[in-house]
C-alpha atoms as a PDB file:
ATOM      1  CA  UNK A   1      94.658 118.195  92.149  1.00  0.00           C
ATOM      2  CA  UNK A   2      94.008 116.478  88.898  1.00  0.00           C
ATOM      3  CA  UNK A   3      96.910 114.250  88.094  1.00  0.00           C
ATOM      4  CA  UNK A   4      98.474 114.723  84.442  1.00  0.00           C
ATOM      5  CA  UNK A   5      98.746 111.042  83.401  1.00  0.00           C
ATOM      6  CA  UNK A   6     100.846 112.260  80.498  1.00  0.00           C
ATOM      7  CA  UNK A   7     103.279 113.924  82.656  1.00  0.00           C
ATOM      8  CA  UNK A   8     103.419 110.947  84.958  1.00  0.00           C
ATOM      9  CA  UNK A   9     104.089 108.634  82.166  1.00  0.00           C
ATOM     10  CA  UNK A  10     106.972 110.791  80.611  1.00  0.00           C
ATOM     11  CA  UNK A  11     108.494 111.319  83.975  1.00  0.00           C
ATOM     12  CA  UNK A  12     108.280 107.593  84.739  1.00  0.00           C
ATOM     13  CA  UNK A  13     110.314 106.653  81.331  1.00  0.00           C
ATOM     14  CA  UNK A  14     112.802 109.297  81.716  1.00  0.00           C
ATOM     15  CA  UNK A  15     113.315 107.588  85.199  1.00  0.00           C
ATOM     16  CA  UNK A  16     113.649 104.090  84.036  1.00  0.00           C
ATOM     17  CA  UNK A  17     115.923 105.792  80.963  1.00  0.00           C
ATOM     18  CA  UNK A  18     118.379 106.671  83.675  1.00  0.00           C
ATOM     19  CA  UNK A  19     119.641 103.239  84.135  1.00  0.00           C
ATOM     20  CA  UNK A  20     118.279 101.081  80.940  1.00  0.00           C
ATOM     21  CA  UNK A  21     118.443 101.267  77.330  1.00  0.00           C
ATOM     22  CA  UNK A  22     115.285 102.428  75.620  1.00  0.00           C
ATOM     23  CA  UNK A  23     114.979  98.657  74.239  1.00  0.00           C
ATOM     24  CA  UNK A  24     114.576  96.915  77.556  1.00  0.00           C
ATOM     25  CA  UNK A  25     111.844  99.034  78.752  1.00  0.00           C
ATOM     26  CA  UNK A  26     108.213  97.971  77.890  1.00  0.00           C
ATOM     27  CA  UNK A  27     104.940  99.636  78.358  1.00  0.00           C
ATOM     28  CA  UNK A  28     104.334  97.471  81.350  1.00  0.00           C
ATOM     29  CA  UNK A  29     107.587  98.757  83.149  1.00  0.00           C
ATOM     30  CA  UNK A  30     106.747 102.417  82.606  1.00  0.00           C
ATOM     31  CA  UNK A  31     102.923 101.859  83.648  1.00  0.00           C
ATOM     32  CA  UNK A  32     104.336  99.815  86.880  1.00  0.00           C
ATOM     33  CA  UNK A  33     106.778 102.493  87.692  1.00  0.00           C
ATOM     34  CA  UNK A  34     104.168 105.342  87.446  1.00  0.00           C
ATOM     35  CA  UNK A  35     101.395 103.485  89.253  1.00  0.00           C
ATOM     36  CA  UNK A  36      98.991 103.444  86.466  1.00  0.00           C
ATOM     37  CA  UNK A  37      97.350 100.877  84.365  1.00  0.00           C
ATOM     38  CA  UNK A  38      97.968  99.880  80.528  1.00  0.00           C
ATOM     39  CA  UNK A  39      94.712 101.290  79.771  1.00  0.00           C
ATOM     40  CA  UNK A  40      95.910 104.754  81.045  1.00  0.00           C
ATOM     41  CA  UNK A  41      98.934 105.049  79.050  1.00  0.00           C
ATOM     42  CA  UNK A  42      96.978 104.055  75.770  1.00  0.00           C
ATOM     43  CA  UNK A  43      94.262 106.411  76.475  1.00  0.00           C
ATOM     44  CA  UNK A  44      97.200 108.698  76.073  1.00  0.00           C
ATOM     45  CA  UNK A  45      99.935 107.627  74.008  1.00  0.00           C
ATOM     46  CA  UNK A  46     100.338 105.006  71.220  1.00  0.00           C
ATOM     47  CA  UNK A  47     103.797 103.559  72.182  1.00  0.00           C
ATOM     48  CA  UNK A  48     107.167 104.634  73.876  1.00  0.00           C
ATOM     49  CA  UNK A  49     108.048 106.715  70.991  1.00  0.00           C
ATOM     50  CA  UNK A  50     104.991 108.696  71.663  1.00  0.00           C
ATOM     51  CA  UNK A  51     106.051 109.386  75.105  1.00  0.00           C
ATOM     52  CA  UNK A  52     109.695 110.643  74.229  1.00  0.00           C
ATOM     53  CA  UNK A  53     108.046 113.007  71.712  1.00  0.00           C
ATOM     54  CA  UNK A  54     105.721 114.338  74.215  1.00  0.00           C
ATOM     55  CA  UNK A  55     108.984 115.035  76.736  1.00  0.00           C
ATOM     56  CA  UNK A  56     110.783 116.694  73.912  1.00  0.00           C
ATOM     57  CA  UNK A  57     107.916 119.024  72.938  1.00  0.00           C
ATOM     58  CA  UNK A  58     107.464 119.810  76.729  1.00  0.00           C
ATOM     59  CA  UNK A  59     110.834 120.936  76.838  1.00  0.00           C
ATOM     60  CA  UNK A  60     111.195 122.684  73.373  1.00  0.00           C
ATOM     61  CA  UNK A  61     107.901 124.708  74.399  1.00  0.00           C
ATOM     62  CA  UNK A  62     109.610 125.689  77.509  1.00  0.00           C
ATOM     63  CA  UNK A  63     112.780 126.823  75.759  1.00  0.00           C
ATOM     64  CA  UNK A  64     110.962 128.624  73.475  1.00  0.00           C
ATOM     65  CA  UNK A  65     109.474 130.428  76.164  1.00  0.00           C
ATOM     66  CA  UNK A  66     112.569 131.398  77.656  1.00  0.00           C
ATOM     67  CA  UNK A  67     113.433 133.032  74.186  1.00  0.00           C
ATOM     68  CA  UNK A  68     110.379 134.596  73.791  1.00  0.00           C
ATOM     69  CA  UNK A  69     110.276 136.362  77.201  1.00  0.00           C
ATOM     70  CA  UNK A  70     113.921 137.180  76.735  1.00  0.00           C
ATOM     71  CA  UNK A  71     113.114 138.752  73.398  1.00  0.00           C
ATOM     72  CA  UNK A  72     110.092 140.455  74.874  1.00  0.00           C
ATOM     73  CA  UNK A  73     112.078 141.983  77.862  1.00  0.00           C
ATOM     74  CA  UNK A  74     114.819 143.222  75.324  1.00  0.00           C
ATOM     75  CA  UNK A  75     117.221 141.177  77.107  1.00  0.00           C
ATOM     76  CA  UNK A  76     120.629 140.387  75.536  1.00  0.00           C
ATOM     77  CA  UNK A  77     121.943 136.763  74.526  1.00  0.00           C
ATOM     78  CA  UNK A  78     124.207 136.368  77.666  1.00  0.00           C
ATOM     79  CA  UNK A  79     120.711 136.631  79.837  1.00  0.00           C
ATOM     80  CA  UNK A  80     118.991 134.383  77.143  1.00  0.00           C
ATOM     81  CA  UNK A  81     122.014 131.860  78.072  1.00  0.00           C
ATOM     82  CA  UNK A  82     121.795 132.373  81.780  1.00  0.00           C
ATOM     83  CA  UNK A  83     117.975 131.654  81.601  1.00  0.00           C
ATOM     84  CA  UNK A  84     118.827 128.524  79.593  1.00  0.00           C
ATOM     85  CA  UNK A  85     121.185 127.118  81.573  1.00  0.00           C
ATOM     86  CA  UNK A  86     118.921 127.813  84.954  1.00  0.00           C
ATOM     87  CA  UNK A  87     116.370 125.804  83.034  1.00  0.00           C
ATOM     88  CA  UNK A  88     118.698 122.996  82.143  1.00  0.00           C
ATOM     89  CA  UNK A  89     120.163 122.738  85.858  1.00  0.00           C
ATOM     90  CA  UNK A  90     116.535 122.491  86.888  1.00  0.00           C
ATOM     91  CA  UNK A  91     116.280 119.550  84.631  1.00  0.00           C
ATOM     92  CA  UNK A  92     119.666 118.326  84.460  1.00  0.00           C
ATOM     93  CA  UNK A  93     118.761 114.628  84.693  1.00  0.00           C
ATOM     94  CA  UNK A  94     116.058 114.662  81.462  1.00  0.00           C
ATOM     95  CA  UNK A  95     118.875 116.709  79.517  1.00  0.00           C
ATOM     96  CA  UNK A  96     121.673 114.261  79.988  1.00  0.00           C
ATOM     97  CA  UNK A  97     119.399 111.436  79.036  1.00  0.00           C
ATOM     98  CA  UNK A  98     118.284 112.961  75.942  1.00  0.00           C
ATOM     99  CA  UNK A  99     121.955 114.147  74.867  1.00  0.00           C
ATOM    100  CA  UNK A 100     123.166 110.601  75.683  1.00  0.00           C
ATOM    101  CA  UNK A 101     120.687 108.508  74.174  1.00  0.00           C
ATOM    102  CA  UNK A 102     118.366 110.899  71.904  1.00  0.00           C
ATOM    103  CA  UNK A 103     120.704 113.596  70.586  1.00  0.00           C
ATOM    104  CA  UNK A 104     119.935 113.623  66.792  1.00  0.00           C
ATOM    105  CA  UNK A 105     116.097 113.162  67.304  1.00  0.00           C
ATOM    106  CA  UNK A 106     116.014 116.064  70.046  1.00  0.00           C
ATOM    107  CA  UNK A 107     118.228 118.007  67.653  1.00  0.00           C
ATOM    108  CA  UNK A 108     116.112 117.725  64.914  1.00  0.00           C
ATOM    109  CA  UNK A 109     112.880 118.396  66.495  1.00  0.00           C
ATOM    110  CA  UNK A 110     114.392 121.551  68.110  1.00  0.00           C
ATOM    111  CA  UNK A 111     115.601 122.609  64.846  1.00  0.00           C
ATOM    112  CA  UNK A 112     112.279 122.296  63.183  1.00  0.00           C
ATOM    113  CA  UNK A 113     110.478 124.201  65.992  1.00  0.00           C
ATOM    114  CA  UNK A 114     112.640 127.066  66.168  1.00  0.00           C
ATOM    115  CA  UNK A 115     112.943 127.545  62.398  1.00  0.00           C
ATOM    116  CA  UNK A 116     109.180 127.907  62.076  1.00  0.00           C
ATOM    117  CA  UNK A 117     108.943 130.154  65.367  1.00  0.00           C
ATOM    118  CA  UNK A 118     111.486 132.854  64.625  1.00  0.00           C
ATOM    119  CA  UNK A 119     113.457 134.333  61.974  1.00  0.00           C
ATOM    120  CA  UNK A 120     116.905 132.295  60.567  1.00  0.00           C
ATOM    121  CA  UNK A 121     119.601 134.546  62.218  1.00  0.00           C
ATOM    122  CA  UNK A 122     117.933 134.160  65.673  1.00  0.00           C
ATOM    123  CA  UNK A 123     117.146 130.556  64.637  1.00  0.00           C
ATOM    124  CA  UNK A 124     120.895 129.529  64.406  1.00  0.00           C
ATOM    125  CA  UNK A 125     121.860 131.649  67.263  1.00  0.00           C
ATOM    126  CA  UNK A 126     119.402 130.430  69.581  1.00  0.00           C
ATOM    127  CA  UNK A 127     119.486 126.684  68.605  1.00  0.00           C
ATOM    128  CA  UNK A 128     123.214 126.841  68.685  1.00  0.00           C
ATOM    129  CA  UNK A 129     123.232 128.237  71.917  1.00  0.00           C
ATOM    130  CA  UNK A 130     120.748 125.706  73.505  1.00  0.00           C
ATOM    131  CA  UNK A 131     122.560 122.583  72.041  1.00  0.00           C
ATOM    132  CA  UNK A 132     126.048 123.897  73.118  1.00  0.00           C
ATOM    133  CA  UNK A 133     125.201 124.935  76.504  1.00  0.00           C
ATOM    134  CA  UNK A 134     123.673 121.482  76.971  1.00  0.00           C
ATOM    135  CA  UNK A 135     126.176 119.337  75.706  1.00  0.00           C
ATOM    136  CA  UNK A 136     129.270 121.300  77.291  1.00  0.00           C
ATOM    137  CA  UNK A 137     128.029 122.402  80.546  1.00  0.00           C
ATOM    138  CA  UNK A 138     125.857 118.990  81.634  1.00  0.00           C
ATOM    139  CA  UNK A 139     129.087 117.189  80.699  1.00  0.00           C
ATOM    140  CA  UNK A 140     131.767 119.434  82.070  1.00  0.00           C
ATOM    141  CA  UNK A 141     130.539 122.096  84.555  1.00  0.00           C
ATOM    142  CA  UNK A 142     128.395 122.555  87.483  1.00  0.00           C
ATOM    143  CA  UNK A 143     125.958 124.933  86.181  1.00  0.00           C
ATOM    144  CA  UNK A 144     124.339 125.878  89.254  1.00  0.00           C
ATOM    145  CA  UNK A 145     128.084 127.654  90.363  1.00  0.00           C
ATOM    146  CA  UNK A 146     128.317 129.186  86.784  1.00  0.00           C
ATOM    147  CA  UNK A 147     125.227 130.902  86.974  1.00  0.00           C
ATOM    148  CA  UNK A 148     125.906 132.115  90.577  1.00  0.00           C
ATOM    149  CA  UNK A 149     129.462 133.316  89.644  1.00  0.00           C
ATOM    150  CA  UNK A 150     128.089 134.858  86.442  1.00  0.00           C
ATOM    151  CA  UNK A 151     130.763 132.983  84.559  1.00  0.00           C
ATOM    152  CA  UNK A 152     128.685 131.533  81.646  1.00  0.00           C
ATOM    153  CA  UNK A 153     131.570 131.948  79.099  1.00  0.00           C
END
């Protein structure tokens, strides 16, 4: 099984971000946490910001895939919300870090991505759904319970 160094580095950074400010995290700390060399880091990234953007890209690609599959299967917006909630629940710790530490950067990247992939009306709806679900449910509700009870709204 081939190890994806980029994912290993991104996961390491986000584990460190749980308890540390971005300014307190060094590339050496990320590498030590991931059990990789600094050379491996620099073979894949130029700096810590590259790692953050890589993680954003992975998440946004996954969110778009949820949107696309939902649309392809002619599902309604309720189902889209439910699928997004499942994805957020699965990645709850990462989303909490993003919302609490990188909200505007993530929102801008999400906006740029979706506005180029879907028409404006669906972009506004989808982007709004994603951001509002993330903020509201991560901070206030048990997502898994809401999905199981079909009580999203």
